[in-house]
Structures are given as C-alpha cells and as structure tokens.
PDB file of N, CA and C in Angstrom:
ATOM      1  N   MET A   1      43.846  65.616  76.718  1.00  0.00           N
ATOM      2  CA  MET A   1      43.498  65.740  75.291  1.00  0.00           C
ATOM      3  C   MET A   1      42.523  64.570  74.885  1.00  0.00           C
ATOM      4  N   THR A   2      41.465  64.904  74.214  1.00  0.00           N
ATOM      5  CA  THR A   2      40.526  63.780  73.916  1.00  0.00           C
ATOM      6  C   THR A   2      41.086  63.134  72.501  1.00  0.00           C
ATOM      7  N   THR A   3      40.526  62.108  72.205  1.00  0.00           N
ATOM      8  CA  THR A   3      40.808  61.338  70.949  1.00  0.00           C
ATOM      9  C   THR A   3      40.576  62.235  69.664  1.00  0.00           C
ATOM     10  N   SER A   4      39.418  62.832  69.782  1.00  0.00           N
ATOM     11  CA  SER A   4      38.935  63.652  68.674  1.00  0.00           C
ATOM     12  C   SER A   4      39.894  64.876  68.392  1.00  0.00           C
ATOM     13  N   SER A   5      40.359  65.456  69.509  1.00  0.00           N
ATOM     14  CA  SER A   5      41.119  66.627  69.374  1.00  0.00           C
ATOM     15  C   SER A   5      42.524  66.180  68.873  1.00  0.00           C
ATOM     16  N   SER A   6      43.055  65.065  69.322  1.00  0.00           N
ATOM     17  CA  SER A   6      44.347  64.554  68.886  1.00  0.00           C
ATOM     18  C   SER A   6      44.229  64.122  67.372  1.00  0.00           C
ATOM     19  N   THR A   7      43.085  63.573  67.018  1.00  0.00           N
ATOM     20  CA  THR A   7      42.946  63.189  65.627  1.00  0.00           C
ATOM     21  C   THR A   7      42.937  64.482  64.700  1.00  0.00           C
ATOM     22  N   ARG A   8      42.215  65.588  65.199  1.00  0.00           N
ATOM     23  CA  ARG A   8      42.211  66.861  64.393  1.00  0.00           C
ATOM     24  C   ARG A   8      43.519  67.435  64.284  1.00  0.00           C
ATOM     25  N   ILE A   9      44.366  67.342  65.398  1.00  0.00           N
ATOM     26  CA  ILE A   9      45.685  67.909  65.320  1.00  0.00           C
ATOM     27  C   ILE A   9      46.596  67.159  64.333  1.00  0.00           C
ATOM     28  N   ALA A  10      46.396  65.877  64.384  1.00  0.00           N
ATOM     29  CA  ALA A  10      47.087  65.058  63.468  1.00  0.00           C
ATOM     30  C   ALA A  10      46.759  65.325  61.977  1.00  0.00           C
ATOM     31  N   ALA A  11      45.503  65.494  61.752  1.00  0.00           N
ATOM     32  CA  ALA A  11      45.027  65.747  60.388  1.00  0.00           C
ATOM     33  C   ALA A  11      45.476  67.212  59.882  1.00  0.00           C
ATOM     34  N   VAL A  12      45.515  68.168  60.752  1.00  0.00           N
ATOM     35  CA  VAL A  12      46.080  69.449  60.421  1.00  0.00           C
ATOM     36  C   VAL A  12      47.538  69.389  60.152  1.00  0.00           C
ATOM     37  N   ALA A  13      48.243  68.592  60.951  1.00  0.00           N
ATOM     38  CA  ALA A  13      49.647  68.489  60.787  1.00  0.00           C
ATOM     39  C   ALA A  13      49.994  67.762  59.426  1.00  0.00           C
ATOM     40  N   HIS A  14      49.096  66.795  59.160  1.00  0.00           N
ATOM     41  CA  HIS A  14      49.321  66.104  57.848  1.00  0.00           C
ATOM     42  C   HIS A  14      49.111  67.065  56.566  1.00  0.00           C
ATOM     43  N   ARG A  15      48.053  67.846  56.774  1.00  0.00           N
ATOM     44  CA  ARG A  15      47.689  68.711  55.692  1.00  0.00           C
ATOM     45  C   ARG A  15      48.737  69.809  55.423  1.00  0.00           C
ATOM     46  N   THR A  16      49.258  70.247  56.589  1.00  0.00           N
ATOM     47  CA  THR A  16      50.336  71.233  56.600  1.00  0.00           C
ATOM     48  C   THR A  16      51.532  70.692  56.042  1.00  0.00           C
ATOM     49  N   ARG A  17      51.962  69.568  56.350  1.00  0.00           N
ATOM     50  CA  ARG A  17      53.139  68.824  55.933  1.00  0.00           C
ATOM     51  C   ARG A  17      53.010  68.693  54.326  1.00  0.00           C
ATOM     52  N   ALA A  18      51.871  68.237  53.962  1.00  0.00           N
ATOM     53  CA  ALA A  18      51.573  67.970  52.452  1.00  0.00           C
ATOM     54  C   ALA A  18      51.588  69.327  51.668  1.00  0.00           C
ATOM     55  N   ALA A  19      51.068  70.447  52.317  1.00  0.00           N
ATOM     56  CA  ALA A  19      51.032  71.706  51.638  1.00  0.00           C
ATOM     57  C   ALA A  19      52.506  72.245  51.498  1.00  0.00           C
ATOM     58  N   LEU A  20      53.288  72.150  52.542  1.00  0.00           N
ATOM     59  CA  LEU A  20      54.650  72.600  52.359  1.00  0.00           C
ATOM     60  C   LEU A  20      55.443  71.753  51.460  1.00  0.00           C
ATOM     61  N   THR A  21      55.223  70.567  51.468  1.00  0.00           N
ATOM     62  CA  THR A  21      55.966  69.620  50.477  1.00  0.00           C
ATOM     63  C   THR A  21      55.524  70.031  48.955  1.00  0.00           C
ATOM     64  N   ARG A  22      54.285  70.278  48.809  1.00  0.00           N
ATOM     65  CA  ARG A  22      53.881  70.716  47.467  1.00  0.00           C
ATOM     66  C   ARG A  22      54.562  72.126  47.191  1.00  0.00           C
ATOM     67  N   ARG A  23      54.636  72.949  48.087  1.00  0.00           N
ATOM     68  CA  ARG A  23      55.119  74.201  47.927  1.00  0.00           C
ATOM     69  C   ARG A  23      56.624  74.346  47.676  1.00  0.00           C
ATOM     70  N   PHE A  24      57.462  73.567  48.479  1.00  0.00           N
ATOM     71  CA  PHE A  24      58.811  73.698  48.229  1.00  0.00           C
ATOM     72  C   PHE A  24      59.522  72.590  47.479  1.00  0.00           C
ATOM     73  N   LEU A  25      58.854  71.575  47.198  1.00  0.00           N
ATOM     74  CA  LEU A  25      59.523  70.438  46.312  1.00  0.00           C
ATOM     75  C   LEU A  25      59.916  70.943  44.917  1.00  0.00           C
ATOM     76  N   PRO A  26      59.102  71.729  44.214  1.00  0.00           N
ATOM     77  CA  PRO A  26      59.595  72.157  42.987  1.00  0.00           C
ATOM     78  C   PRO A  26      60.845  73.093  43.019  1.00  0.00           C
ATOM     79  N   ALA A  27      60.888  73.906  44.047  1.00  0.00           N
ATOM     80  CA  ALA A  27      61.985  74.844  44.234  1.00  0.00           C
ATOM     81  C   ALA A  27      63.291  74.055  44.506  1.00  0.00           C
ATOM     82  N   THR A  28      63.184  72.949  45.118  1.00  0.00           N
ATOM     83  CA  THR A  28      64.434  72.208  45.442  1.00  0.00           C
ATOM     84  C   THR A  28      64.851  71.197  44.352  1.00  0.00           C
ATOM     85  N   SER A  29      63.994  70.693  43.495  1.00  0.00           N
ATOM     86  CA  SER A  29      64.338  69.751  42.438  1.00  0.00           C
ATOM     87  C   SER A  29      64.280  70.294  41.093  1.00  0.00           C
ATOM     88  N   ALA A  30      64.031  71.570  40.864  1.00  0.00           N
ATOM     89  CA  ALA A  30      63.985  72.207  39.446  1.00  0.00           C
ATOM     90  C   ALA A  30      65.312  72.808  39.263  1.00  0.00           C
ATOM     91  N   ASP A  31      66.424  72.100  39.132  1.00  0.00           N
ATOM     92  CA  ASP A  31      67.662  72.670  38.872  1.00  0.00           C
ATOM     93  C   ASP A  31      68.249  72.075  37.466  1.00  0.00           C
ATOM     94  N   ALA A  32      67.438  71.897  36.504  1.00  0.00           N
ATOM     95  CA  ALA A  32      67.887  71.437  35.306  1.00  0.00           C
ATOM     96  C   ALA A  32      68.635  72.452  34.627  1.00  0.00           C
ATOM     97  N   GLY A  33      69.829  72.107  34.130  1.00  0.00           N
ATOM     98  CA  GLY A  33      70.723  72.990  33.450  1.00  0.00           C
ATOM     99  C   GLY A  33      71.762  73.673  34.403  1.00  0.00           C
ATOM    100  N   MET A  34      71.544  73.560  35.734  1.00  0.00           N
ATOM    101  CA  MET A  34      72.450  74.182  36.625  1.00  0.00           C
ATOM    102  C   MET A  34      73.911  73.641  36.497  1.00  0.00           C
ATOM    103  N   SER A  35      74.125  72.414  36.322  1.00  0.00           N
ATOM    104  CA  SER A  35      75.432  71.821  36.268  1.00  0.00           C
ATOM    105  C   SER A  35      76.232  72.366  35.168  1.00  0.00           C
ATOM    106  N   THR A  36      75.520  72.683  33.933  1.00  0.00           N
ATOM    107  CA  THR A  36      76.249  73.124  32.838  1.00  0.00           C
ATOM    108  C   THR A  36      76.788  74.586  33.118  1.00  0.00           C
ATOM    109  N   VAL A  37      75.957  75.372  33.654  1.00  0.00           N
ATOM    110  CA  VAL A  37      76.325  76.763  34.075  1.00  0.00           C
ATOM    111  C   VAL A  37      77.457  76.669  35.227  1.00  0.00           C
ATOM    112  N   GLU A  38      77.372  75.735  36.064  1.00  0.00           N
ATOM    113  CA  GLU A  38      78.389  75.713  37.083  1.00  0.00           C
ATOM    114  C   GLU A  38      79.781  75.300  36.475  1.00  0.00           C
ATOM    115  N   TYR A  39      79.720  74.361  35.632  1.00  0.00           N
ATOM    116  CA  TYR A  39      80.863  73.981  34.851  1.00  0.00           C
ATOM    117  C   TYR A  39      81.485  75.170  34.050  1.00  0.00           C
ATOM    118  N   ALA A  40      80.686  75.885  33.446  1.00  0.00           N
ATOM    119  CA  ALA A  40      81.184  76.934  32.626  1.00  0.00           C
ATOM    120  C   ALA A  40      81.809  77.997  33.463  1.00  0.00           C
ATOM    121  N   VAL A  41      81.158  78.313  34.554  1.00  0.00           N
ATOM    122  CA  VAL A  41      81.789  79.310  35.454  1.00  0.00           C
ATOM    123  C   VAL A  41      82.997  78.874  36.019  1.00  0.00           C
ATOM    124  N   GLY A  42      83.184  77.657  36.419  1.00  0.00           N
ATOM    125  CA  GLY A  42      84.346  76.937  37.006  1.00  0.00           C
ATOM    126  C   GLY A  42      85.343  76.971  36.000  1.00  0.00           C
ATOM    127  N   THR A  43      85.090  76.633  34.764  1.00  0.00           N
ATOM    128  CA  THR A  43      86.118  76.590  33.781  1.00  0.00           C
ATOM    129  C   THR A  43      86.706  78.114  33.475  1.00  0.00           C
ATOM    130  N   ILE A  44      85.811  78.951  33.415  1.00  0.00           N
ATOM    131  CA  ILE A  44      86.328  80.291  33.211  1.00  0.00           C
ATOM    132  C   ILE A  44      87.107  80.879  34.381  1.00  0.00           C
ATOM    133  N   ALA A  45      86.694  80.526  35.622  1.00  0.00           N
ATOM    134  CA  ALA A  45      87.526  80.875  36.780  1.00  0.00           C
ATOM    135  C   ALA A  45      88.757  80.285  36.768  1.00  0.00           C
ATOM    136  N   ALA A  46      89.004  79.034  36.444  1.00  0.00           N
ATOM    137  CA  ALA A  46      90.185  78.287  36.349  1.00  0.00           C
ATOM    138  C   ALA A  46      91.080  78.782  35.192  1.00  0.00           C
ATOM    139  N   ALA A  47      90.584  79.206  34.142  1.00  0.00           N
ATOM    140  CA  ALA A  47      91.211  79.717  33.071  1.00  0.00           C
ATOM    141  C   ALA A  47      91.918  81.147  33.490  1.00  0.00           C
ATOM    142  N   ALA A  48      91.117  81.960  34.211  1.00  0.00           N
ATOM    143  CA  ALA A  48      91.405  83.342  34.735  1.00  0.00           C
ATOM    144  C   ALA A  48      92.581  83.184  35.748  1.00  0.00           C
ATOM    145  N   PHE A  49      92.378  82.186  36.676  1.00  0.00           N
ATOM    146  CA  PHE A  49      93.445  82.014  37.701  1.00  0.00           C
ATOM    147  C   PHE A  49      94.676  81.479  37.128  1.00  0.00           C
ATOM    148  N   GLY A  50      94.635  80.634  36.066  1.00  0.00           N
ATOM    149  CA  GLY A  50      95.758  80.206  35.481  1.00  0.00           C
ATOM    150  C   GLY A  50      96.473  81.312  34.711  1.00  0.00           C
ATOM    151  N   ALA A  51      95.757  82.166  34.112  1.00  0.00           N
ATOM    152  CA  ALA A  51      96.448  83.381  33.455  1.00  0.00           C
ATOM    153  C   ALA A  51      97.051  84.242  34.414  1.00  0.00           C
ATOM    154  N   VAL A  52      96.386  84.593  35.524  1.00  0.00           N
ATOM    155  CA  VAL A  52      97.004  85.363  36.515  1.00  0.00           C
ATOM    156  C   VAL A  52      98.269  84.696  37.082  1.00  0.00           C
ATOM    157  N   LEU A  53      98.170  83.425  37.395  1.00  0.00           N
ATOM    158  CA  LEU A  53      99.308  82.760  37.988  1.00  0.00           C
ATOM    159  C   LEU A  53     100.457  82.716  37.041  1.00  0.00           C
ATOM    160  N   TYR A  54     100.246  82.485  35.698  1.00  0.00           N
ATOM    161  CA  TYR A  54     101.281  82.539  34.699  1.00  0.00           C
ATOM    162  C   TYR A  54     101.891  83.863  34.615  1.00  0.00           C
ATOM    163  N   THR A  55     101.213  85.012  34.739  1.00  0.00           N
ATOM    164  CA  THR A  55     101.609  86.251  34.580  1.00  0.00           C
ATOM    165  C   THR A  55     102.602  86.583  35.907  1.00  0.00           C
ATOM    166  N   VAL A  56     102.204  86.196  37.028  1.00  0.00           N
ATOM    167  CA  VAL A  56     102.991  86.309  38.295  1.00  0.00           C
ATOM    168  C   VAL A  56     104.196  85.551  38.191  1.00  0.00           C
ATOM    169  N   VAL A  57     104.110  84.243  37.866  1.00  0.00           N
ATOM    170  CA  VAL A  57     105.262  83.400  37.964  1.00  0.00           C
ATOM    171  C   VAL A  57     106.222  83.806  36.769  1.00  0.00           C
ATOM    172  N   SER A  58     105.778  84.228  35.603  1.00  0.00           N
ATOM    173  CA  SER A  58     106.667  84.505  34.534  1.00  0.00           C
ATOM    174  C   SER A  58     107.364  85.885  34.666  1.00  0.00           C
ATOM    175  N   GLY A  59     106.953  86.676  35.610  1.00  0.00           N
ATOM    176  CA  GLY A  59     107.588  87.978  35.914  1.00  0.00           C
ATOM    177  C   GLY A  59     108.962  87.843  36.473  1.00  0.00           C
ATOM    178  N   ASP A  60     109.757  88.955  36.288  1.00  0.00           N
ATOM    179  CA  ASP A  60     111.133  89.054  36.685  1.00  0.00           C
ATOM    180  C   ASP A  60     111.320  88.910  38.273  1.00  0.00           C
ATOM    181  N   SER A  61     110.435  89.389  38.960  1.00  0.00           N
ATOM    182  CA  SER A  61     110.644  89.468  40.471  1.00  0.00           C
ATOM    183  C   SER A  61     110.438  88.034  41.092  1.00  0.00           C
ATOM    184  N   ILE A  62     109.530  87.245  40.462  1.00  0.00           N
ATOM    185  CA  ILE A  62     109.430  85.884  41.022  1.00  0.00           C
ATOM    186  C   ILE A  62     110.676  85.005  40.652  1.00  0.00           C
ATOM    187  N   THR A  63     111.198  85.093  39.510  1.00  0.00           N
ATOM    188  CA  THR A  63     112.325  84.332  39.112  1.00  0.00           C
ATOM    189  C   THR A  63     113.537  84.737  39.764  1.00  0.00           C
ATOM    190  N   ASP A  64     113.732  86.016  40.133  1.00  0.00           N
ATOM    191  CA  ASP A  64     114.814  86.628  40.940  1.00  0.00           C
ATOM    192  C   ASP A  64     114.671  86.038  42.381  1.00  0.00           C
ATOM    193  N   ALA A  65     113.431  86.030  42.915  1.00  0.00           N
ATOM    194  CA  ALA A  65     113.278  85.518  44.309  1.00  0.00           C
ATOM    195  C   ALA A  65     113.556  84.125  44.371  1.00  0.00           C
ATOM    196  N   LEU A  66     113.035  83.308  43.427  1.00  0.00           N
ATOM    197  CA  LEU A  66     113.284  81.858  43.452  1.00  0.00           C
ATOM    198  C   LEU A  66     114.885  81.521  43.247  1.00  0.00           C
ATOM    199  N   SER A  67     115.460  82.238  42.263  1.00  0.00           N
ATOM    200  CA  SER A  67     116.970  82.118  42.212  1.00  0.00           C
ATOM    201  C   SER A  67     117.543  82.390  43.547  1.00  0.00           C
ATOM    202  N   GLY A  68     117.222  83.468  44.126  1.00  0.00           N
ATOM    203  CA  GLY A  68     117.921  83.910  45.437  1.00  0.00           C
ATOM    204  C   GLY A  68     117.567  82.856  46.525  1.00  0.00           C
ATOM    205  N   ILE A  69     116.515  82.227  46.567  1.00  0.00           N
ATOM    206  CA  ILE A  69     116.218  81.199  47.517  1.00  0.00           C
ATOM    207  C   ILE A  69     117.066  79.990  47.216  1.00  0.00           C
ATOM    208  N   ILE A  70     117.111  79.611  45.966  1.00  0.00           N
ATOM    209  CA  ILE A  70     117.930  78.417  45.637  1.00  0.00           C
ATOM    210  C   ILE A  70     119.384  78.603  45.915  1.00  0.00           C
ATOM    211  N   GLU A  71     119.923  79.820  45.501  1.00  0.00           N
ATOM    212  CA  GLU A  71     121.307  80.142  45.896  1.00  0.00           C
ATOM    213  C   GLU A  71     121.658  80.040  47.244  1.00  0.00           C
ATOM    214  N   GLN A  72     120.655  80.710  48.111  1.00  0.00           N
ATOM    215  CA  GLN A  72     120.961  80.719  49.580  1.00  0.00           C
ATOM    216  C   GLN A  72     120.884  79.295  50.101  1.00  0.00           C
ATOM    217  N   ALA A  73     119.959  78.365  49.654  1.00  0.00           N
ATOM    218  CA  ALA A  73     119.945  77.039  50.090  1.00  0.00           C
ATOM    219  C   ALA A  73     121.234  76.255  49.707  1.00  0.00           C
ATOM    220  N   LEU A  74     121.731  76.546  48.548  1.00  0.00           N
ATOM    221  CA  LEU A  74     123.045  75.781  48.057  1.00  0.00           C
ATOM    222  C   LEU A  74     124.219  76.267  48.646  1.00  0.00           C
ATOM    223  N   ASN A  75     124.243  77.470  49.236  1.00  0.00           N
ATOM    224  CA  ASN A  75     125.489  78.191  49.752  1.00  0.00           C
ATOM    225  C   ASN A  75     125.447  78.019  51.337  1.00  0.00           C
ATOM    226  N   THR A  76     124.529  77.393  51.949  1.00  0.00           N
ATOM    227  CA  THR A  76     124.574  77.130  53.435  1.00  0.00           C
ATOM    228  C   THR A  76     125.540  76.072  53.792  1.00  0.00           C
ATOM    229  N   SER A  77     126.118  76.209  54.913  1.00  0.00           N
ATOM    230  CA  SER A  77     127.107  75.239  55.310  1.00  0.00           C
ATOM    231  C   SER A  77     126.388  74.399  56.374  1.00  0.00           C
ATOM    232  N   VAL A  78     126.658  73.140  56.308  1.00  0.00           N
ATOM    233  CA  VAL A  78     125.991  72.225  57.165  1.00  0.00           C
ATOM    234  C   VAL A  78     126.908  71.804  58.363  1.00  0.00           C
TER     235      VAL A  78
END
C-alpha cells in the first residue's frame, strides 16, 4: 500500500467517523425529561405493587397460612 492510498483511507475513515458521530450523537444525548417520566412510571408501578401486596396480605388465606406456620413452629418438639 502506498502512502497516498493509506492517506486516502485514513481521510475516508475520519470523514465516516465524523459523519456517524454527527448522525448518532443527538439521538444518544437528547433525553431531556426522560428522568421525570421514568420516576412517574416507577412511582405508579410501586403504588400498584403495594396495593396488590396489601390486598393479598390482608386476605384471610394469608393470615390463616401464617398462623398455621407459626403454630406448627411453636408446637414442634426439639
């Protein structure tokens, strides 16, 4: 490979890298406002999970199962 062809290849590579940087940099750094949306969705999901968990735990079957486990643990002989 001659010096002129390697120089041309380097110039093409440089132009290509610069073009790709110009093309994709705005897409990767333009996330203004995303954190607010992510916090809102996370808060709603946490509240929904809490509501479902409260409904499950406050039901009769869970309290009966927990009482049975505690009674069985207390009545075992060592």
